[in-house]
Amino acid sequence: MASTTDQRHIVIVGMIGGGIIGCTTAYFLTRHPSYDPSRHKITLLEASKIAGGASGKAGGLLALWAYPSSIVPLSYRLHAELAKEHGGEDRWGYRRIHCGQLSAKGRLTGSTKSGVNGNKGGSDSVSLQKRDNKAIGKLRAAGIPKDLDWFAPDQVTSYSEMGDPSTTAQVHPYQFTTSMAQLASEKGVSITLGAVTSINKSSDAVNSVTYTTKSGSTPQTIPASTVVICAGPWTQSLHPQAPISALRAHSVTIRPSRPISAYAVFTEIALPSSFNPKRPQPKHVSPEIYARPDNEAYACGEGDTLVPLPKLSEDVETDDARCQDIIDHVGSISNEMRDGEVLVRQACYLPNVTAAGGGPLIGETGVQGLLMAAGHTCWGIQNGPGTGKLMAEFVFDGEARSAKVGALDPRRV
């Protein structure tokens, strides 16, 4: 068991140490019974800004049916507890939702006339506030719930439920991550903007971390008895042997033409052969659409590996054509999406564990004082609180106590 009486300097590092995993780790370190700010100094190092990567651009879906099963129940429960304790419903959009799989036939949208190019829809494409009985009947025949009325009736072929409010919820990722950082800071965590250049060791144990500030001044070194790598897709830049790759993912946010009900929908859309003559399209696409509070919808498409991971999250390249594809695809099955106002087009990189058994990787690395929490794929927001609590236990107790995570041990890969 780790000593709780010595002076300790705990450093959470990563090119995105200020992502959800780093911020929840910082939060739970300050909530651990052994934490004493007079004896424990915690520094969170972030190269760009808090929630500058995927943690600020993800969908924010929470689900008891996510993976890995070893930490999902713990993290899902902690999300509810955090929201209750800190007013998460108002502070970061926590709410319980429905989730389903929808199959549909896409239709031609005509991007230039539909208003999905970033402006509000024109007067020739106004979504009605109510559906007639015939349209409602078509949605019911496809198995669509009564309140899921923001899909075009003629396009939907089937619907099946994946989760309900007892198993599925959501948060706004940027708001949740920045709130975790702020709450950790209020308890004594020092947040420093600086890019880590090396994790220094002596006798196979970490002893310090060297970083450069955003202003590019002389490198600075701070002592460290414990270092936690929370670098997401940038993990290999700090720990080269980590089997973690990067997958670029594009997404958009849209203000629908009218308020939509609280559903997360995984779609399977069959596109017509003439869908976009100027840009070849696959026969089937699978965008995800998450309704958010305040009349906003988040939509994301397939990932790609066309552009290498940049050095910093602020340098991620957004492909406008890929964002437009998402907009056109969701607009092909929903008038509310088609006629809505595009608010944001963005891209980020997700961390994938390439070793057999998958990830994430949570725990000790084999180097004394060096811990890792990375490789959470698309479930980083969902599994952030559980991971943060476990890392606090590794740091102060020397072992994970809230969940059995032996299969996620970084030393096994």
Protein backbone atom coordinates (compact mmCIF):
# COMPACT_ATOMS: atom_id res chain seq x y z
CA MET A 1 0.00 0.00 0.00
CA ALA A 2 1.22 3.49 -0.86
CA SER A 3 2.28 5.67 2.04
CA THR A 4 -0.08 8.47 3.01
CA THR A 5 2.26 10.28 5.41
CA ASP A 6 5.03 11.44 3.09
CA GLN A 7 5.30 14.63 1.10
CA ARG A 8 4.20 13.82 -2.45
CA HIS A 9 4.05 15.67 -5.74
CA ILE A 10 1.55 14.06 -8.10
CA VAL A 11 1.71 15.18 -11.73
CA ILE A 12 -1.02 14.41 -14.27
CA VAL A 13 0.56 14.71 -17.69
CA GLY A 14 -0.27 14.47 -21.36
CA MET A 15 -0.49 16.52 -24.49
CA ILE A 16 -4.11 16.60 -23.39
CA GLY A 17 -3.69 16.10 -19.66
CA GLY A 18 -6.61 18.49 -19.48
CA GLY A 19 -8.95 16.00 -21.14
CA ILE A 20 -11.71 14.17 -19.33
CA ILE A 21 -9.46 11.43 -17.91
CA GLY A 22 -6.91 13.88 -16.51
CA CYS A 23 -9.59 16.17 -15.09
CA THR A 24 -11.58 13.41 -13.40
CA THR A 25 -8.35 11.95 -12.04
CA ALA A 26 -7.50 15.35 -10.56
CA TYR A 27 -11.02 15.64 -9.14
CA PHE A 28 -11.02 12.24 -7.44
CA LEU A 29 -7.48 12.64 -6.11
CA THR A 30 -8.73 15.67 -4.17
CA ARG A 31 -11.73 13.70 -2.89
CA HIS A 32 -9.75 10.69 -1.66
CA PRO A 33 -9.76 10.31 2.15
CA SER A 34 -5.96 10.35 2.23
CA TYR A 35 -5.61 13.60 0.31
CA ASP A 36 -4.06 16.38 2.37
CA PRO A 37 -3.27 19.60 0.50
CA SER A 38 -0.61 20.45 3.08
CA ARG A 39 1.33 17.32 2.11
CA HIS A 40 0.16 16.50 -1.40
CA LYS A 41 0.79 18.82 -4.33
CA ILE A 42 -1.14 17.94 -7.50
CA THR A 43 -0.24 19.52 -10.85
CA LEU A 44 -2.22 19.00 -14.05
CA LEU A 45 -0.15 19.76 -17.14
CA GLU A 46 -2.04 20.56 -20.35
CA ALA A 47 -0.37 21.55 -23.61
CA SER A 48 -3.21 23.58 -25.16
CA LYS A 49 -6.38 24.12 -23.16
CA ILE A 50 -8.79 22.20 -20.95
CA ALA A 51 -11.09 20.01 -23.07
CA GLY A 52 -9.29 21.05 -26.24
CA GLY A 53 -9.37 17.56 -27.77
CA ALA A 54 -12.03 14.88 -27.97
CA SER A 55 -13.18 15.68 -24.44
CA GLY A 56 -14.62 18.93 -25.71
CA LYS A 57 -15.93 17.61 -29.03
CA ALA A 58 -17.41 14.21 -28.24
CA GLY A 59 -21.08 13.29 -28.10
CA GLY A 60 -21.34 12.82 -24.35
CA LEU A 61 -23.40 9.62 -24.40
CA LEU A 62 -23.50 7.65 -21.12
CA ALA A 63 -24.71 4.05 -21.09
CA LEU A 64 -24.77 1.02 -18.86
CA TRP A 65 -24.39 -1.04 -22.04
CA ALA A 66 -21.07 0.61 -22.96
CA TYR A 67 -17.70 -1.13 -22.57
CA PRO A 68 -15.60 -2.37 -20.83
CA SER A 69 -18.03 -3.94 -18.41
CA SER A 70 -15.45 -3.84 -15.61
CA ILE A 71 -15.72 -0.07 -15.15
CA VAL A 72 -18.96 0.96 -16.89
CA PRO A 73 -21.34 0.40 -13.91
CA LEU A 74 -19.02 2.28 -11.55
CA SER A 75 -18.62 5.22 -13.91
CA TYR A 76 -22.29 5.41 -14.83
CA ARG A 77 -23.22 5.55 -11.14
CA LEU A 78 -20.58 8.20 -10.45
CA HIS A 79 -22.00 10.37 -13.25
CA ALA A 80 -25.36 10.40 -11.47
CA GLU A 81 -23.74 11.14 -8.11
CA LEU A 82 -21.61 13.95 -9.51
CA ALA A 83 -24.64 15.53 -11.20
CA LYS A 84 -26.61 15.39 -7.97
CA GLU A 85 -23.78 16.81 -5.86
CA HIS A 86 -22.74 19.62 -8.18
CA GLY A 87 -25.92 20.53 -10.05
CA GLY A 88 -24.90 18.74 -13.22
CA GLU A 89 -28.31 19.09 -14.83
CA ASP A 90 -27.78 22.84 -15.14
CA ARG A 91 -23.98 22.92 -15.06
CA TRP A 92 -23.15 20.34 -17.74
CA GLY A 93 -26.46 19.17 -19.22
CA TYR A 94 -26.78 15.84 -17.43
CA ARG A 95 -30.06 14.11 -18.16
CA ARG A 96 -31.51 10.64 -18.66
CA ILE A 97 -32.52 9.84 -22.25
CA HIS A 98 -33.78 7.17 -24.63
CA CYS A 99 -31.54 5.54 -27.20
CA GLY A 100 -32.34 3.51 -30.30
CA GLN A 101 -31.23 2.11 -33.64
CA LEU A 102 -33.02 3.54 -36.67
CA SER A 103 -32.91 2.30 -40.26
CA ALA A 104 -33.96 4.62 -43.05
CA LYS A 105 -33.76 5.40 -46.75
CA GLY A 106 -31.93 8.64 -47.47
CA ARG A 107 -33.34 11.19 -49.86
CA LEU A 108 -31.77 13.94 -51.92
CA THR A 109 -31.35 17.07 -49.81
CA GLY A 110 -29.98 19.77 -52.09
CA SER A 111 -27.50 21.29 -49.63
CA THR A 112 -27.41 24.70 -51.28
CA LYS A 113 -31.14 25.29 -50.94
CA SER A 114 -31.82 23.54 -47.63
CA GLY A 115 -29.94 25.91 -45.37
CA VAL A 116 -27.51 23.31 -44.00
CA ASN A 117 -24.51 25.31 -45.18
CA GLY A 118 -24.38 27.18 -41.90
CA ASN A 119 -27.35 29.49 -42.35
CA LYS A 120 -30.96 29.05 -41.40
CA GLY A 121 -33.18 27.25 -43.86
CA GLY A 122 -34.94 29.23 -46.55
CA SER A 123 -38.65 29.90 -46.73
CA ASP A 124 -39.14 26.99 -49.15
CA SER A 125 -38.04 24.40 -46.55
CA VAL A 126 -39.85 25.04 -43.31
CA SER A 127 -40.42 22.06 -41.03
CA LEU A 128 -44.02 21.82 -39.81
CA GLN A 129 -44.72 21.86 -36.10
CA LYS A 130 -47.14 18.98 -36.32
CA ARG A 131 -47.44 15.83 -38.41
CA ASP A 132 -50.67 14.70 -40.00
CA ASN A 133 -52.29 11.42 -39.07
CA LYS A 134 -50.89 9.63 -42.12
CA ALA A 135 -47.32 10.60 -41.22
CA ILE A 136 -47.82 9.60 -37.59
CA GLY A 137 -49.19 6.27 -38.75
CA LYS A 138 -46.10 5.57 -40.84
CA LEU A 139 -43.81 6.28 -37.88
CA ARG A 140 -45.86 4.00 -35.61
CA ALA A 141 -45.75 1.23 -38.22
CA ALA A 142 -41.95 1.44 -38.20
CA GLY A 143 -41.93 1.07 -34.43
CA ILE A 144 -40.98 4.68 -33.73
CA PRO A 145 -41.88 5.89 -30.19
CA LYS A 146 -44.60 8.54 -30.12
CA ASP A 147 -42.29 11.33 -28.97
CA LEU A 148 -39.52 10.53 -31.46
CA ASP A 149 -41.20 12.62 -34.14
CA TRP A 150 -38.25 14.34 -35.78
CA PHE A 151 -37.60 11.89 -38.60
CA ALA A 152 -39.26 11.97 -42.02
CA PRO A 153 -42.03 9.32 -42.03
CA ASP A 154 -41.49 8.28 -45.64
CA GLN A 155 -37.81 7.55 -45.03
CA VAL A 156 -37.90 5.43 -41.84
CA THR A 157 -38.04 1.65 -42.27
CA SER A 158 -37.50 0.36 -38.72
CA TYR A 159 -36.60 1.28 -35.17
CA SER A 160 -35.45 -0.74 -32.16
CA GLU A 161 -34.72 0.42 -28.65
CA MET A 162 -31.16 0.17 -27.32
CA GLY A 163 -31.58 1.91 -23.99
CA ASP A 164 -34.05 3.84 -21.85
CA PRO A 165 -33.64 6.47 -19.11
CA SER A 166 -32.73 3.76 -16.62
CA THR A 167 -29.69 2.72 -18.66
CA THR A 168 -28.82 5.74 -20.79
CA ALA A 169 -27.97 9.37 -20.10
CA GLN A 170 -25.88 12.22 -21.50
CA VAL A 171 -23.71 15.18 -20.60
CA HIS A 172 -22.24 18.05 -22.58
CA PRO A 173 -18.57 16.93 -22.81
CA TYR A 174 -16.96 20.36 -22.82
CA GLN A 175 -19.06 21.60 -19.91
CA PHE A 176 -18.50 18.41 -17.92
CA THR A 177 -14.73 18.33 -18.47
CA THR A 178 -14.18 22.00 -17.66
CA SER A 179 -16.38 21.65 -14.57
CA MET A 180 -14.30 18.72 -13.33
CA ALA A 181 -11.16 20.80 -13.83
CA GLN A 182 -12.63 23.76 -11.96
CA LEU A 183 -13.85 21.61 -9.07
CA ALA A 184 -10.40 20.00 -8.81
CA SER A 185 -8.74 23.41 -8.88
CA GLU A 186 -10.97 24.62 -6.04
CA LYS A 187 -9.57 21.80 -3.91
CA GLY A 188 -5.94 22.64 -4.58
CA VAL A 189 -4.98 21.23 -7.99
CA SER A 190 -2.60 23.48 -9.91
CA ILE A 191 -3.46 23.62 -13.63
CA THR A 192 -0.46 24.57 -15.77
CA LEU A 193 -0.43 25.12 -19.52
CA GLY A 194 2.70 23.43 -20.78
CA ALA A 195 3.73 20.65 -23.17
CA VAL A 196 5.56 17.78 -21.52
CA THR A 197 8.90 17.04 -23.16
CA SER A 198 10.11 14.28 -20.86
CA ILE A 199 9.20 12.17 -17.85
CA ASN A 200 12.46 11.82 -15.98
CA LYS A 201 13.53 8.74 -14.04
CA SER A 202 16.22 7.68 -11.62
CA SER A 203 16.87 4.02 -10.71
CA ASP A 204 13.78 3.05 -12.72
CA ALA A 205 11.50 5.37 -10.74
CA VAL A 206 10.03 8.70 -11.84
CA ASN A 207 11.43 11.76 -10.13
CA SER A 208 10.43 14.76 -12.24
CA VAL A 209 8.67 16.07 -15.34
CA THR A 210 10.07 18.58 -17.82
CA TYR A 211 7.78 20.79 -19.88
CA THR A 212 7.76 23.97 -21.95
CA THR A 213 5.11 26.66 -21.60
CA LYS A 214 3.00 27.89 -24.50
CA SER A 215 5.15 31.01 -24.70
CA GLY A 216 8.09 28.79 -25.62
CA SER A 217 10.30 29.85 -22.75
CA THR A 218 13.12 27.83 -21.24
CA PRO A 219 12.05 24.27 -20.32
CA GLN A 220 10.98 23.88 -16.72
CA THR A 221 11.30 20.80 -14.52
CA ILE A 222 9.08 20.02 -11.56
CA PRO A 223 9.63 17.20 -9.03
CA ALA A 224 7.27 14.25 -9.18
CA SER A 225 6.93 11.18 -7.00
CA THR A 226 3.93 10.00 -9.02
CA VAL A 227 3.14 10.69 -12.66
CA VAL A 228 -0.18 9.78 -14.28
CA ILE A 229 -0.20 9.68 -18.09
CA CYS A 230 -3.62 10.80 -19.38
CA ALA A 231 -2.61 11.67 -22.91
CA GLY A 232 -5.31 9.99 -25.00
CA PRO A 233 -4.15 9.54 -28.61
CA TRP A 234 -0.89 11.32 -27.73
CA THR A 235 0.11 8.63 -25.23
CA GLN A 236 2.93 7.22 -27.37
CA SER A 237 4.69 10.58 -27.39
CA LEU A 238 5.19 10.15 -23.63
CA HIS A 239 5.27 6.36 -23.35
CA PRO A 240 6.39 4.97 -26.76
CA GLN A 241 5.62 1.34 -25.96
CA ALA A 242 1.94 2.03 -25.32
CA PRO A 243 -0.16 0.31 -28.04
CA ILE A 244 -2.45 3.27 -28.64
CA SER A 245 -3.30 4.67 -32.07
CA ALA A 246 -5.25 7.74 -33.15
CA LEU A 247 -8.48 7.86 -35.15
CA ARG A 248 -9.78 11.17 -36.46
CA ALA A 249 -13.50 11.78 -36.00
CA HIS A 250 -15.63 14.61 -37.42
CA SER A 251 -18.81 15.99 -35.94
CA VAL A 252 -21.21 18.90 -36.21
CA THR A 253 -23.75 20.55 -33.97
CA ILE A 254 -27.04 21.77 -35.39
CA ARG A 255 -29.84 23.90 -34.01
CA PRO A 256 -32.92 22.02 -35.29
CA SER A 257 -35.75 23.91 -36.91
CA ARG A 258 -37.87 23.09 -33.86
CA PRO A 259 -37.19 21.55 -30.43
CA ILE A 260 -36.60 17.79 -30.56
CA SER A 261 -37.12 15.08 -27.94
CA ALA A 262 -34.35 13.60 -25.78
CA TYR A 263 -33.05 10.68 -27.82
CA ALA A 264 -29.68 9.41 -28.95
CA VAL A 265 -30.16 7.68 -32.29
CA PHE A 266 -27.76 5.34 -34.08
CA THR A 267 -28.78 5.37 -37.72
CA GLU A 268 -28.27 3.08 -40.70
CA ILE A 269 -29.07 5.04 -43.86
CA ALA A 270 -29.27 3.62 -47.39
CA LEU A 271 -28.31 6.44 -49.75
CA PRO A 272 -29.67 6.77 -53.30
CA SER A 273 -27.05 6.32 -56.03
CA SER A 274 -27.45 9.95 -57.11
CA PHE A 275 -27.10 11.35 -53.59
CA ASN A 276 -24.09 13.59 -54.29
CA PRO A 277 -22.72 13.44 -57.86
CA LYS A 278 -19.86 15.80 -56.95
CA ARG A 279 -18.60 13.66 -54.08
CA PRO A 280 -18.84 9.84 -54.24
CA GLN A 281 -20.79 8.37 -51.35
CA PRO A 282 -20.97 4.86 -49.90
CA LYS A 283 -24.21 2.92 -50.27
CA HIS A 284 -24.78 2.96 -46.53
CA VAL A 285 -23.78 5.46 -43.83
CA SER A 286 -24.23 5.36 -40.07
CA PRO A 287 -24.22 8.81 -38.48
CA GLU A 288 -25.17 9.13 -34.82
CA ILE A 289 -27.51 11.92 -33.69
CA TYR A 290 -27.79 13.03 -30.06
CA ALA A 291 -30.45 15.53 -29.06
CA ARG A 292 -29.11 17.92 -26.43
CA PRO A 293 -30.79 20.40 -24.09
CA ASP A 294 -31.33 23.96 -25.31
CA ASN A 295 -32.48 22.87 -28.77
CA GLU A 296 -29.15 21.55 -30.03
CA ALA A 297 -28.27 18.31 -31.77
CA TYR A 298 -24.86 16.66 -32.08
CA ALA A 299 -24.11 14.43 -35.08
CA CYS A 300 -20.98 12.46 -35.94
CA GLY A 301 -19.88 10.21 -38.77
CA GLU A 302 -17.29 7.55 -39.48
CA GLY A 303 -13.65 7.97 -38.44
CA ASP A 304 -10.59 8.19 -40.69
CA THR A 305 -6.80 7.92 -40.58
CA LEU A 306 -6.06 10.18 -43.55
CA VAL A 307 -4.27 12.90 -41.58
CA PRO A 308 -1.56 12.05 -39.01
CA LEU A 309 -2.04 13.11 -35.41
CA PRO A 310 -0.64 16.65 -34.95
CA LYS A 311 1.55 17.61 -32.01
CA LEU A 312 -1.19 19.61 -30.28
CA SER A 313 -4.97 19.35 -30.09
CA GLU A 314 -5.29 22.95 -31.27
CA ASP A 315 -3.67 21.93 -34.58
CA VAL A 316 -6.23 19.26 -35.49
CA GLU A 317 -7.31 19.67 -39.11
CA THR A 318 -11.05 19.75 -39.81
CA ASP A 319 -12.17 18.50 -43.24
CA ASP A 320 -15.15 20.65 -44.17
CA ALA A 321 -16.30 18.16 -46.80
CA ARG A 322 -16.55 15.39 -44.20
CA CYS A 323 -18.59 17.67 -41.96
CA GLN A 324 -20.87 18.49 -44.89
CA ASP A 325 -21.36 14.78 -45.51
CA ILE A 326 -22.65 14.38 -41.95
CA ILE A 327 -24.98 17.35 -42.38
CA ASP A 328 -26.33 15.98 -45.66
CA HIS A 329 -26.72 12.45 -44.32
CA VAL A 330 -28.76 13.42 -41.25
CA GLY A 331 -30.71 15.92 -43.32
CA SER A 332 -31.67 13.15 -45.72
CA ILE A 333 -33.87 11.53 -43.04
CA SER A 334 -34.88 14.48 -40.84
CA ASN A 335 -36.54 17.74 -41.82
CA GLU A 336 -35.57 19.22 -38.47
CA MET A 337 -31.88 18.55 -39.20
CA ARG A 338 -32.12 19.52 -42.86
CA ASP A 339 -33.80 22.85 -42.10
CA GLY A 340 -31.73 23.62 -39.02
CA GLU A 341 -28.81 25.95 -38.46
CA VAL A 342 -25.32 24.46 -38.40
CA LEU A 343 -23.51 25.79 -35.34
CA VAL A 344 -20.14 24.01 -35.28
CA ARG A 345 -18.02 21.88 -37.62
CA GLN A 346 -15.16 20.16 -35.84
CA ALA A 347 -12.75 17.22 -35.65
CA CYS A 348 -10.81 15.44 -32.94
CA TYR A 349 -8.77 12.26 -32.45
CA LEU A 350 -9.91 9.24 -30.46
CA PRO A 351 -7.40 6.90 -28.73
CA ASN A 352 -7.69 3.22 -29.67
CA VAL A 353 -5.79 0.38 -27.98
CA THR A 354 -4.34 -1.81 -30.73
CA ALA A 355 -3.27 -4.72 -28.50
CA ALA A 356 -5.33 -7.90 -28.16
CA GLY A 357 -8.08 -7.49 -25.61
CA GLY A 358 -8.55 -3.81 -26.28
CA GLY A 359 -8.64 -1.14 -23.63
CA PRO A 360 -8.57 1.23 -21.97
CA LEU A 361 -5.27 0.80 -20.15
CA ILE A 362 -5.61 1.70 -16.48
CA GLY A 363 -3.03 1.22 -13.74
CA GLU A 364 0.70 0.78 -13.19
CA THR A 365 3.17 0.68 -16.07
CA GLY A 366 6.05 -1.25 -14.53
CA VAL A 367 8.03 1.90 -13.82
CA GLN A 368 7.82 2.89 -10.17
CA GLY A 369 5.59 5.92 -9.74
CA LEU A 370 4.43 5.94 -13.38
CA LEU A 371 0.73 5.23 -13.94
CA MET A 372 -1.38 5.28 -17.09
CA ALA A 373 -5.03 5.93 -17.91
CA ALA A 374 -5.50 6.06 -21.67
CA GLY A 375 -7.09 4.39 -24.69
CA HIS A 376 -10.76 4.96 -23.86
CA THR A 377 -11.91 5.05 -27.53
CA CYS A 378 -15.35 6.68 -27.93
CA TRP A 379 -16.33 5.99 -24.32
CA GLY A 380 -13.96 8.43 -22.60
CA ILE A 381 -16.71 10.70 -21.28
CA GLN A 382 -18.77 7.73 -20.10
CA ASN A 383 -15.82 6.09 -18.33
CA GLY A 384 -14.07 9.24 -17.14
CA PRO A 385 -15.41 9.34 -13.56
CA GLY A 386 -14.80 5.63 -12.97
CA THR A 387 -11.28 5.90 -14.33
CA GLY A 388 -10.55 8.98 -12.23
CA LYS A 389 -11.71 7.27 -9.05
CA LEU A 390 -9.62 4.18 -9.81
CA MET A 391 -6.51 6.24 -10.52
CA ALA A 392 -6.93 8.02 -7.19
CA GLU A 393 -7.03 4.60 -5.53
CA PHE A 394 -3.90 3.47 -7.37
CA VAL A 395 -2.11 6.62 -6.22
CA PHE A 396 -3.17 6.65 -2.56
CA ASP A 397 -4.02 2.99 -1.84
CA GLY A 398 -1.62 1.26 -4.20
CA GLU A 399 -4.44 -0.73 -5.80
CA ALA A 400 -7.85 -0.43 -7.43
CA ARG A 401 -10.63 -0.98 -4.91
CA SER A 402 -13.83 0.17 -6.62
CA ALA A 403 -13.66 -2.23 -9.58
CA LYS A 404 -11.73 -5.27 -10.78
CA VAL A 405 -9.54 -3.95 -13.59
CA GLY A 406 -6.81 -6.56 -13.89
CA ALA A 407 -7.72 -7.08 -17.54
CA LEU A 408 -6.97 -3.38 -18.18
CA ASP A 409 -3.46 -3.48 -16.65
CA PRO A 410 -1.01 -1.60 -18.95
CA ARG A 411 1.67 -4.17 -18.08
CA ARG A 412 -0.21 -6.93 -19.88
CA VAL A 413 0.41 -5.44 -23.34
